[in-house]
Amino acid sequence: RQNPATAGTRLIAVTGYGQEQDRLRAIQAGFDDHLV
């Protein structure tokens, strides 16, 4: 997100962390979505 060349790239977290707070943390970190 900080790199101008990749700032607009669609980012999807694919993770084993599936709690609501994990999803929120991923979105706050800059991911567009969170898949478990």
Full PDB file with SEQRES, HELIX, SHEET, SSBOND, CRYST1, ORIGX, SCALE, CONECT and MASTER records, all heavy atoms in Angstrom:
SEQRES   1 A   36  ARG GLN ASN PRO ALA THR ALA GLY THR ARG LEU ILE ALA          
SEQRES   2 A   36  VAL THR GLY TYR GLY GLN GLU GLN ASP ARG LEU ARG ALA          
SEQRES   3 A   36  ILE GLN ALA GLY PHE ASP ASP HIS LEU VAL                      
HELIX    1 AA1 GLU A   20  ALA A   29  1                                  10    
SHEET    1 AA1 2 ILE A  12  VAL A  14  0                                        
SHEET    2 AA1 2 ASP A  33  LEU A  35  1                                        
CRYST1    1.000    1.000    1.000  90.00  90.00  90.00 P 1           1          
ORIGX1      1.000000  0.000000  0.000000        0.00000                         
ORIGX2      0.000000  1.000000  0.000000        0.00000                         
ORIGX3      0.000000  0.000000  1.000000        0.00000                         
SCALE1      1.000000  0.000000  0.000000        0.00000                         
SCALE2      0.000000  1.000000  0.000000        0.00000                         
SCALE3      0.000000  0.000000  1.000000        0.00000                         
ATOM      1  N   ARG A   1       0.822  -1.214   0.000  1.00  0.00           N  
ATOM      2  CA  ARG A   1       0.000   0.000   0.000  1.00  0.00           C  
ATOM      3  C   ARG A   1       0.858   1.268   0.000  1.00  0.00           C  
ATOM      4  O   ARG A   1       0.444   2.301  -0.526  1.00  0.00           O  
ATOM      5  CB  ARG A   1      -0.953   0.018   1.198  1.00  0.00           C  
ATOM      6  CG  ARG A   1      -2.041  -1.022   1.117  1.00  0.00           C  
ATOM      7  CD  ARG A   1      -2.977  -0.720  -0.042  1.00  0.00           C  
ATOM      8  NE  ARG A   1      -4.081  -1.679  -0.071  1.00  0.00           N  
ATOM      9  CZ  ARG A   1      -4.550  -2.218  -1.177  1.00  0.00           C  
ATOM     10  NH1 ARG A   1      -4.017  -1.911  -2.345  1.00  0.00           N  
ATOM     11  NH2 ARG A   1      -5.555  -3.056  -1.137  1.00  0.00           N  
ATOM     12  N   GLN A   2       2.045   1.204   0.572  1.00  0.00           N  
ATOM     13  CA  GLN A   2       2.929   2.375   0.625  1.00  0.00           C  
ATOM     14  C   GLN A   2       3.675   2.606  -0.683  1.00  0.00           C  
ATOM     15  O   GLN A   2       4.141   3.712  -0.936  1.00  0.00           O  
ATOM     16  CB  GLN A   2       3.925   2.238   1.767  1.00  0.00           C  
ATOM     17  CG  GLN A   2       3.279   2.360   3.123  1.00  0.00           C  
ATOM     18  CD  GLN A   2       4.275   2.200   4.267  1.00  0.00           C  
ATOM     19  OE1 GLN A   2       5.436   1.869   4.066  1.00  0.00           O  
ATOM     20  NE2 GLN A   2       3.801   2.422   5.470  1.00  0.00           N  
ATOM     21  N   ASN A   3       3.796   1.587  -1.514  1.00  0.00           N  
ATOM     22  CA  ASN A   3       4.521   1.704  -2.774  1.00  0.00           C  
ATOM     23  C   ASN A   3       3.563   2.209  -3.852  1.00  0.00           C  
ATOM     24  O   ASN A   3       2.558   1.558  -4.136  1.00  0.00           O  
ATOM     25  CB  ASN A   3       5.090   0.334  -3.159  1.00  0.00           C  
ATOM     26  CG  ASN A   3       5.922   0.376  -4.418  1.00  0.00           C  
ATOM     27  OD1 ASN A   3       5.702   1.189  -5.313  1.00  0.00           O  
ATOM     28  ND2 ASN A   3       6.889  -0.513  -4.495  1.00  0.00           N  
ATOM     29  N   PRO A   4       3.841   3.344  -4.463  1.00  0.00           N  
ATOM     30  CA  PRO A   4       2.931   3.878  -5.482  1.00  0.00           C  
ATOM     31  C   PRO A   4       2.655   2.901  -6.629  1.00  0.00           C  
ATOM     32  O   PRO A   4       1.565   2.915  -7.197  1.00  0.00           O  
ATOM     33  CB  PRO A   4       3.651   5.127  -6.000  1.00  0.00           C  
ATOM     34  CG  PRO A   4       4.567   5.521  -4.889  1.00  0.00           C  
ATOM     35  CD  PRO A   4       4.985   4.228  -4.229  1.00  0.00           C  
ATOM     36  N   ALA A   5       3.600   2.052  -6.953  1.00  0.00           N  
ATOM     37  CA  ALA A   5       3.421   1.100  -8.055  1.00  0.00           C  
ATOM     38  C   ALA A   5       2.419  -0.006  -7.718  1.00  0.00           C  
ATOM     39  O   ALA A   5       1.828  -0.601  -8.612  1.00  0.00           O  
ATOM     40  CB  ALA A   5       4.768   0.480  -8.433  1.00  0.00           C  
ATOM     41  N   THR A   6       2.216  -0.278  -6.426  1.00  0.00           N  
ATOM     42  CA  THR A   6       1.331  -1.374  -6.024  1.00  0.00           C  
ATOM     43  C   THR A   6       0.194  -0.923  -5.101  1.00  0.00           C  
ATOM     44  O   THR A   6      -0.607  -1.741  -4.662  1.00  0.00           O  
ATOM     45  CB  THR A   6       2.129  -2.485  -5.322  1.00  0.00           C  
ATOM     46  OG1 THR A   6       2.831  -1.926  -4.196  1.00  0.00           O  
ATOM     47  CG2 THR A   6       3.124  -3.139  -6.262  1.00  0.00           C  
ATOM     48  N   ALA A   7       0.119   0.362  -4.837  1.00  0.00           N  
ATOM     49  CA  ALA A   7      -0.858   0.880  -3.873  1.00  0.00           C  
ATOM     50  C   ALA A   7      -2.296   0.556  -4.253  1.00  0.00           C  
ATOM     51  O   ALA A   7      -3.128   0.330  -3.379  1.00  0.00           O  
ATOM     52  CB  ALA A   7      -0.692   2.392  -3.707  1.00  0.00           C  
ATOM     53  N   GLY A   8      -2.605   0.479  -5.526  1.00  0.00           N  
ATOM     54  CA  GLY A   8      -3.969   0.226  -5.960  1.00  0.00           C  
ATOM     55  C   GLY A   8      -4.268  -1.234  -6.251  1.00  0.00           C  
ATOM     56  O   GLY A   8      -5.363  -1.562  -6.695  1.00  0.00           O  
ATOM     57  N   THR A   9      -3.325  -2.102  -5.992  1.00  0.00           N  
ATOM     58  CA  THR A   9      -3.504  -3.526  -6.259  1.00  0.00           C  
ATOM     59  C   THR A   9      -4.556  -4.113  -5.325  1.00  0.00           C  
ATOM     60  O   THR A   9      -4.596  -3.786  -4.138  1.00  0.00           O  
ATOM     61  CB  THR A   9      -2.161  -4.277  -6.056  1.00  0.00           C  
ATOM     62  OG1 THR A   9      -1.196  -3.725  -6.940  1.00  0.00           O  
ATOM     63  CG2 THR A   9      -2.310  -5.765  -6.315  1.00  0.00           C  
ATOM     64  N   ARG A  10      -5.400  -4.972  -5.852  1.00  0.00           N  
ATOM     65  CA  ARG A  10      -6.406  -5.651  -5.019  1.00  0.00           C  
ATOM     66  C   ARG A  10      -5.686  -6.693  -4.180  1.00  0.00           C  
ATOM     67  O   ARG A  10      -5.013  -7.575  -4.700  1.00  0.00           O  
ATOM     68  CB  ARG A  10      -7.450  -6.301  -5.913  1.00  0.00           C  
ATOM     69  CG  ARG A  10      -8.553  -6.945  -5.134  1.00  0.00           C  
ATOM     70  CD  ARG A  10      -9.785  -7.129  -6.011  1.00  0.00           C  
ATOM     71  NE  ARG A  10     -10.776  -7.928  -5.343  1.00  0.00           N  
ATOM     72  CZ  ARG A  10     -11.586  -7.488  -4.388  1.00  0.00           C  
ATOM     73  NH1 ARG A  10     -11.513  -6.224  -4.018  1.00  0.00           N  
ATOM     74  NH2 ARG A  10     -12.463  -8.274  -3.811  1.00  0.00           N  
ATOM     75  N   LEU A  11      -5.808  -6.589  -2.850  1.00  0.00           N  
ATOM     76  CA  LEU A  11      -5.148  -7.494  -1.904  1.00  0.00           C  
ATOM     77  C   LEU A  11      -6.181  -8.325  -1.169  1.00  0.00           C  
ATOM     78  O   LEU A  11      -7.123  -7.769  -0.581  1.00  0.00           O  
ATOM     79  CB  LEU A  11      -4.341  -6.707  -0.874  1.00  0.00           C  
ATOM     80  CG  LEU A  11      -3.259  -5.770  -1.375  1.00  0.00           C  
ATOM     81  CD1 LEU A  11      -2.595  -5.054  -0.189  1.00  0.00           C  
ATOM     82  CD2 LEU A  11      -2.229  -6.527  -2.176  1.00  0.00           C  
ATOM     83  N   ILE A  12      -5.984  -9.633  -1.183  1.00  0.00           N  
ATOM     84  CA  ILE A  12      -6.883 -10.536  -0.473  1.00  0.00           C  
ATOM     85  C   ILE A  12      -6.071 -11.402   0.473  1.00  0.00           C  
ATOM     86  O   ILE A  12      -5.137 -12.089   0.048  1.00  0.00           O  
ATOM     87  CB  ILE A  12      -7.683 -11.412  -1.448  1.00  0.00           C  
ATOM     88  CG1 ILE A  12      -8.529 -10.534  -2.375  1.00  0.00           C  
ATOM     89  CG2 ILE A  12      -8.565 -12.403  -0.681  1.00  0.00           C  
ATOM     90  CD1 ILE A  12      -9.310 -11.291  -3.414  1.00  0.00           C  
ATOM     91  N   ALA A  13      -6.415 -11.334   1.739  1.00  0.00           N  
ATOM     92  CA  ALA A  13      -5.784 -12.194   2.740  1.00  0.00           C  
ATOM     93  C   ALA A  13      -6.415 -13.583   2.630  1.00  0.00           C  
ATOM     94  O   ALA A  13      -7.634 -13.716   2.607  1.00  0.00           O  
ATOM     95  CB  ALA A  13      -6.000 -11.634   4.141  1.00  0.00           C  
ATOM     96  N   VAL A  14      -5.575 -14.602   2.529  1.00  0.00           N  
ATOM     97  CA  VAL A  14      -6.017 -15.996   2.516  1.00  0.00           C  
ATOM     98  C   VAL A  14      -5.332 -16.637   3.717  1.00  0.00           C  
ATOM     99  O   VAL A  14      -4.117 -16.820   3.721  1.00  0.00           O  
ATOM    100  CB  VAL A  14      -5.634 -16.704   1.203  1.00  0.00           C  
ATOM    101  CG1 VAL A  14      -6.095 -18.150   1.219  1.00  0.00           C  
ATOM    102  CG2 VAL A  14      -6.233 -15.975   0.005  1.00  0.00           C  
ATOM    103  N   THR A  15      -6.117 -16.953   4.738  1.00  0.00           N  
ATOM    104  CA  THR A  15      -5.515 -17.290   6.017  1.00  0.00           C  
ATOM    105  C   THR A  15      -6.325 -18.308   6.806  1.00  0.00           C  
ATOM    106  O   THR A  15      -7.512 -18.517   6.533  1.00  0.00           O  
ATOM    107  CB  THR A  15      -5.356 -15.990   6.845  1.00  0.00           C  
ATOM    108  OG1 THR A  15      -4.807 -16.308   8.112  1.00  0.00           O  
ATOM    109  CG2 THR A  15      -6.669 -15.261   7.005  1.00  0.00           C  
ATOM    110  N   GLY A  16      -5.685 -18.900   7.765  1.00  0.00           N  
ATOM    111  CA  GLY A  16      -6.359 -19.793   8.694  1.00  0.00           C  
ATOM    112  C   GLY A  16      -6.953 -19.048   9.869  1.00  0.00           C  
ATOM    113  O   GLY A  16      -7.691 -19.619  10.667  1.00  0.00           O  
ATOM    114  N   TYR A  17      -6.634 -17.773   9.988  1.00  0.00           N  
ATOM    115  CA  TYR A  17      -7.158 -16.944  11.074  1.00  0.00           C  
ATOM    116  C   TYR A  17      -8.542 -16.451  10.683  1.00  0.00           C  
ATOM    117  O   TYR A  17      -8.677 -15.576   9.831  1.00  0.00           O  
ATOM    118  CB  TYR A  17      -6.230 -15.764  11.356  1.00  0.00           C  
ATOM    119  CG  TYR A  17      -4.812 -16.154  11.683  1.00  0.00           C  
ATOM    120  CD1 TYR A  17      -3.746 -15.714  10.904  1.00  0.00           C  
ATOM    121  CD2 TYR A  17      -4.528 -16.961  12.777  1.00  0.00           C  
ATOM    122  CE1 TYR A  17      -2.433 -16.067  11.209  1.00  0.00           C  
ATOM    123  CE2 TYR A  17      -3.223 -17.327  13.083  1.00  0.00           C  
ATOM    124  CZ  TYR A  17      -2.182 -16.878  12.293  1.00  0.00           C  
ATOM    125  OH  TYR A  17      -0.899 -17.230  12.589  1.00  0.00           O  
ATOM    126  N   GLY A  18      -9.602 -17.002  11.317  1.00  0.00           N  
ATOM    127  CA  GLY A  18     -10.937 -16.725  10.852  1.00  0.00           C  
ATOM    128  C   GLY A  18     -11.871 -16.006  11.808  1.00  0.00           C  
ATOM    129  O   GLY A  18     -13.051 -15.887  11.521  1.00  0.00           O  
ATOM    130  N   GLN A  19     -11.348 -15.508  12.908  1.00  0.00           N  
ATOM    131  CA  GLN A  19     -12.188 -14.765  13.850  1.00  0.00           C  
ATOM    132  C   GLN A  19     -12.512 -13.383  13.275  1.00  0.00           C  
ATOM    133  O   GLN A  19     -11.798 -12.854  12.420  1.00  0.00           O  
ATOM    134  CB  GLN A  19     -11.459 -14.596  15.191  1.00  0.00           C  
ATOM    135  CG  GLN A  19     -11.046 -15.893  15.849  1.00  0.00           C  
ATOM    136  CD  GLN A  19     -12.240 -16.616  16.437  1.00  0.00           C  
ATOM    137  OE1 GLN A  19     -13.195 -15.990  16.870  1.00  0.00           O  
ATOM    138  NE2 GLN A  19     -12.187 -17.942  16.452  1.00  0.00           N  
ATOM    139  N   GLU A  20     -13.594 -12.791  13.771  1.00  0.00           N  
ATOM    140  CA  GLU A  20     -13.984 -11.457  13.304  1.00  0.00           C  
ATOM    141  C   GLU A  20     -12.867 -10.443  13.516  1.00  0.00           C  
ATOM    142  O   GLU A  20     -12.606  -9.601  12.654  1.00  0.00           O  
ATOM    143  CB  GLU A  20     -15.271 -11.001  13.996  1.00  0.00           C  
ATOM    144  CG  GLU A  20     -15.743  -9.616  13.568  1.00  0.00           C  
ATOM    145  CD  GLU A  20     -16.098  -9.481  12.104  1.00  0.00           C  
ATOM    146  OE1 GLU A  20     -16.275 -10.494  11.405  1.00  0.00           O  
ATOM    147  OE2 GLU A  20     -16.199  -8.328  11.638  1.00  0.00           O  
ATOM    148  N   GLN A  21     -12.165 -10.525  14.647  1.00  0.00           N  
ATOM    149  CA  GLN A  21     -11.070  -9.574  14.889  1.00  0.00           C  
ATOM    150  C   GLN A  21      -9.914  -9.790  13.902  1.00  0.00           C  
ATOM    151  O   GLN A  21      -9.206  -8.848  13.561  1.00  0.00           O  
ATOM    152  CB  GLN A  21     -10.565  -9.623  16.344  1.00  0.00           C  
ATOM    153  CG  GLN A  21      -9.898 -10.912  16.741  1.00  0.00           C  
ATOM    154  CD  GLN A  21     -10.822 -11.877  17.442  1.00  0.00           C  
ATOM    155  OE1 GLN A  21     -12.037 -11.786  17.321  1.00  0.00           O  
ATOM    156  NE2 GLN A  21     -10.265 -12.804  18.199  1.00  0.00           N  
ATOM    157  N   ASP A  22      -9.745 -11.021  13.400  1.00  0.00           N  
ATOM    158  CA  ASP A  22      -8.719 -11.292  12.381  1.00  0.00           C  
ATOM    159  C   ASP A  22      -9.099 -10.619  11.068  1.00  0.00           C  
ATOM    160  O   ASP A  22      -8.260 -10.021  10.395  1.00  0.00           O  
ATOM    161  CB  ASP A  22      -8.560 -12.799  12.160  1.00  0.00           C  
ATOM    162  CG  ASP A  22      -8.143 -13.540  13.415  1.00  0.00           C  
ATOM    163  OD1 ASP A  22      -7.279 -13.013  14.159  1.00  0.00           O  
ATOM    164  OD2 ASP A  22      -8.675 -14.636  13.657  1.00  0.00           O  
ATOM    165  N   ARG A  23     -10.384 -10.711  10.703  1.00  0.00           N  
ATOM    166  CA  ARG A  23     -10.862 -10.065   9.485  1.00  0.00           C  
ATOM    167  C   ARG A  23     -10.696  -8.551   9.581  1.00  0.00           C  
ATOM    168  O   ARG A  23     -10.186  -7.908   8.653  1.00  0.00           O  
ATOM    169  CB  ARG A  23     -12.332 -10.411   9.234  1.00  0.00           C  
ATOM    170  CG  ARG A  23     -12.845  -9.907   7.876  1.00  0.00           C  
ATOM    171  CD  ARG A  23     -14.350 -10.039   7.758  1.00  0.00           C  
ATOM    172  NE  ARG A  23     -15.039  -9.063   8.587  1.00  0.00           N  
ATOM    173  CZ  ARG A  23     -15.140  -7.759   8.305  1.00  0.00           C  
ATOM    174  NH1 ARG A  23     -14.578  -7.271   7.228  1.00  0.00           N  
ATOM    175  NH2 ARG A  23     -15.782  -6.941   9.107  1.00  0.00           N  
ATOM    176  N   LEU A  24     -11.086  -7.990  10.719  1.00  0.00           N  
ATOM    177  CA  LEU A  24     -10.945  -6.542  10.901  1.00  0.00           C  
ATOM    178  C   LEU A  24      -9.493  -6.103  10.847  1.00  0.00           C  
ATOM    179  O   LEU A  24      -9.171  -5.081  10.241  1.00  0.00           O  
ATOM    180  CB  LEU A  24     -11.582  -6.120  12.231  1.00  0.00           C  
ATOM    181  CG  LEU A  24     -13.099  -6.212  12.296  1.00  0.00           C  
ATOM    182  CD1 LEU A  24     -13.595  -5.948  13.715  1.00  0.00           C  
ATOM    183  CD2 LEU A  24     -13.749  -5.262  11.304  1.00  0.00           C  
ATOM    184  N   ARG A  25      -8.616  -6.869  11.467  1.00  0.00           N  
ATOM    185  CA  ARG A  25      -7.193  -6.515  11.442  1.00  0.00           C  
ATOM    186  C   ARG A  25      -6.646  -6.551  10.015  1.00  0.00           C  
ATOM    187  O   ARG A  25      -5.853  -5.694   9.624  1.00  0.00           O  
ATOM    188  CB  ARG A  25      -6.395  -7.461  12.342  1.00  0.00           C  
ATOM    189  CG  ARG A  25      -4.938  -7.069  12.437  1.00  0.00           C  
ATOM    190  CD  ARG A  25      -4.192  -7.858  13.473  1.00  0.00           C  
ATOM    191  NE  ARG A  25      -2.793  -7.453  13.471  1.00  0.00           N  
ATOM    192  CZ  ARG A  25      -1.798  -8.233  13.797  1.00  0.00           C  
ATOM    193  NH1 ARG A  25      -2.019  -9.459  14.216  1.00  0.00           N  
ATOM    194  NH2 ARG A  25      -0.562  -7.791  13.747  1.00  0.00           N  
ATOM    195  N   ALA A  26      -7.080  -7.553   9.227  1.00  0.00           N  
ATOM    196  CA  ALA A  26      -6.631  -7.648   7.834  1.00  0.00           C  
ATOM    197  C   ALA A  26      -7.095  -6.433   7.036  1.00  0.00           C  
ATOM    198  O   ALA A  26      -6.307  -5.838   6.288  1.00  0.00           O  
ATOM    199  CB  ALA A  26      -7.138  -8.940   7.204  1.00  0.00           C  
ATOM    200  N   ILE A  27      -8.348  -6.042   7.210  1.00  0.00           N  
ATOM    201  CA  ILE A  27      -8.869  -4.870   6.491  1.00  0.00           C  
ATOM    202  C   ILE A  27      -8.129  -3.607   6.930  1.00  0.00           C  
ATOM    203  O   ILE A  27      -7.737  -2.784   6.097  1.00  0.00           O  
ATOM    204  CB  ILE A  27     -10.392  -4.734   6.710  1.00  0.00           C  
ATOM    205  CG1 ILE A  27     -11.144  -5.976   6.212  1.00  0.00           C  
ATOM    206  CG2 ILE A  27     -10.933  -3.462   6.069  1.00  0.00           C  
ATOM    207  CD1 ILE A  27     -10.918  -6.358   4.767  1.00  0.00           C  
ATOM    208  N   GLN A  28      -7.886  -3.471   8.223  1.00  0.00           N  
ATOM    209  CA  GLN A  28      -7.150  -2.307   8.733  1.00  0.00           C  
ATOM    210  C   GLN A  28      -5.711  -2.280   8.221  1.00  0.00           C  
ATOM    211  O   GLN A  28      -5.127  -1.208   8.042  1.00  0.00           O  
ATOM    212  CB  GLN A  28      -7.164  -2.299  10.258  1.00  0.00           C  
ATOM    213  CG  GLN A  28      -8.529  -1.999  10.829  1.00  0.00           C  
ATOM    214  CD  GLN A  28      -8.609  -2.211  12.337  1.00  0.00           C  
ATOM    215  OE1 GLN A  28      -7.752  -2.844  12.949  1.00  0.00           O  
ATOM    216  NE2 GLN A  28      -9.680  -1.701  12.933  1.00  0.00           N  
ATOM    217  N   ALA A  29      -5.138  -3.449   7.972  1.00  0.00           N  
ATOM    218  CA  ALA A  29      -3.763  -3.523   7.472  1.00  0.00           C  
ATOM    219  C   ALA A  29      -3.658  -3.166   5.990  1.00  0.00           C  
ATOM    220  O   ALA A  29      -2.567  -2.947   5.482  1.00  0.00           O  
ATOM    221  CB  ALA A  29      -3.194  -4.925   7.703  1.00  0.00           C  
ATOM    222  N   GLY A  30      -4.803  -3.104   5.303  1.00  0.00           N  
ATOM    223  CA  GLY A  30      -4.785  -2.710   3.901  1.00  0.00           C  
ATOM    224  C   GLY A  30      -5.323  -3.749   2.935  1.00  0.00           C  
ATOM    225  O   GLY A  30      -5.349  -3.509   1.727  1.00  0.00           O  
ATOM    226  N   PHE A  31      -5.763  -4.901   3.448  1.00  0.00           N  
ATOM    227  CA  PHE A  31      -6.359  -5.896   2.562  1.00  0.00           C  
ATOM    228  C   PHE A  31      -7.752  -5.440   2.152  1.00  0.00           C  
ATOM    229  O   PHE A  31      -8.463  -4.803   2.928  1.00  0.00           O  
ATOM    230  CB  PHE A  31      -6.455  -7.258   3.263  1.00  0.00           C  
ATOM    231  CG  PHE A  31      -5.137  -7.973   3.376  1.00  0.00           C  
ATOM    232  CD1 PHE A  31      -4.406  -7.917   4.552  1.00  0.00           C  
ATOM    233  CD2 PHE A  31      -4.627  -8.690   2.306  1.00  0.00           C  
ATOM    234  CE1 PHE A  31      -3.186  -8.566   4.665  1.00  0.00           C  
ATOM    235  CE2 PHE A  31      -3.415  -9.351   2.410  1.00  0.00           C  
ATOM    236  CZ  PHE A  31      -2.686  -9.293   3.587  1.00  0.00           C  
ATOM    237  N   ASP A  32      -8.140  -5.796   0.939  1.00  0.00           N  
ATOM    238  CA  ASP A  32      -9.481  -5.492   0.454  1.00  0.00           C  
ATOM    239  C   ASP A  32     -10.493  -6.524   0.937  1.00  0.00           C  
ATOM    240  O   ASP A  32     -11.678  -6.217   1.050  1.00  0.00           O  
ATOM    241  CB  ASP A  32      -9.494  -5.448  -1.079  1.00  0.00           C  
ATOM    242  CG  ASP A  32      -8.631  -4.325  -1.606  1.00  0.00           C  
ATOM    243  OD1 ASP A  32      -8.914  -3.159  -1.271  1.00  0.00           O  
ATOM    244  OD2 ASP A  32      -7.670  -4.606  -2.345  1.00  0.00           O  
ATOM    245  N   ASP A  33     -10.008  -7.733   1.193  1.00  0.00           N  
ATOM    246  CA  ASP A  33     -10.898  -8.785   1.652  1.00  0.00           C  
ATOM    247  C   ASP A  33     -10.110  -9.814   2.437  1.00  0.00           C  
ATOM    248  O   ASP A  33      -8.870  -9.799   2.444  1.00  0.00           O  
ATOM    249  CB  ASP A  33     -11.615  -9.448   0.477  1.00  0.00           C  
ATOM    250  CG  ASP A  33     -12.995  -9.973   0.846  1.00  0.00           C  
ATOM    251  OD1 ASP A  33     -13.272 -10.173   2.058  1.00  0.00           O  
ATOM    252  OD2 ASP A  33     -13.799 -10.184  -0.062  1.00  0.00           O  
ATOM    253  N   HIS A  34     -10.825 -10.714   3.078  1.00  0.00           N  
ATOM    254  CA  HIS A  34     -10.254 -11.701   3.996  1.00  0.00           C  
ATOM    255  C   HIS A  34     -10.970 -13.023   3.758  1.00  0.00           C  
ATOM    256  O   HIS A  34     -12.183 -13.105   3.955  1.00  0.00           O  
ATOM    257  CB  HIS A  34     -10.484 -11.204   5.434  1.00  0.00           C  
ATOM    258  CG  HIS A  34     -10.057 -12.136   6.497  1.00  0.00           C  
ATOM    259  ND1 HIS A  34     -10.911 -13.054   7.067  1.00  0.00           N  
ATOM    260  CD2 HIS A  34      -8.868 -12.286   7.114  1.00  0.00           C  
ATOM    261  CE1 HIS A  34     -10.264 -13.733   7.996  1.00  0.00           C  
ATOM    262  NE2 HIS A  34      -9.028 -13.283   8.049  1.00  0.00           N  
ATOM    263  N   LEU A  35     -10.240 -14.028   3.283  1.00  0.00           N  
ATOM    264  CA  LEU A  35     -10.803 -15.355   3.038  1.00  0.00           C  
ATOM    265  C   LEU A  35     -10.135 -16.355   3.968  1.00  0.00           C  
ATOM    266  O   LEU A  35      -8.925 -16.316   4.158  1.00  0.00           O  
ATOM    267  CB  LEU A  35     -10.579 -15.775   1.582  1.00  0.00           C  
ATOM    268  CG  LEU A  35     -11.160 -14.848   0.517  1.00  0.00           C  
ATOM    269  CD1 LEU A  35     -10.798 -15.363  -0.877  1.00  0.00           C  
ATOM    270  CD2 LEU A  35     -12.655 -14.706   0.664  1.00  0.00           C  
ATOM    271  N   VAL A  36     -10.954 -17.259   4.519  1.00  0.00           N  
ATOM    272  CA  VAL A  36     -10.440 -18.252   5.465  1.00  0.00           C  
ATOM    273  C   VAL A  36     -10.199 -19.569   4.737  1.00  0.00           C  
ATOM    274  O   VAL A  36     -11.042 -20.033   3.963  1.00  0.00           O  
ATOM    275  CB  VAL A  36     -11.426 -18.445   6.635  1.00  0.00           C  
ATOM    276  CG1 VAL A  36     -10.911 -19.489   7.610  1.00  0.00           C  
ATOM    277  CG2 VAL A  36     -11.650 -17.121   7.355  1.00  0.00           C  
TER     278      VAL A  36                                                      
MASTER        0    0    0    1    2    0    0    6  277    1    0    3          
END                                                                             
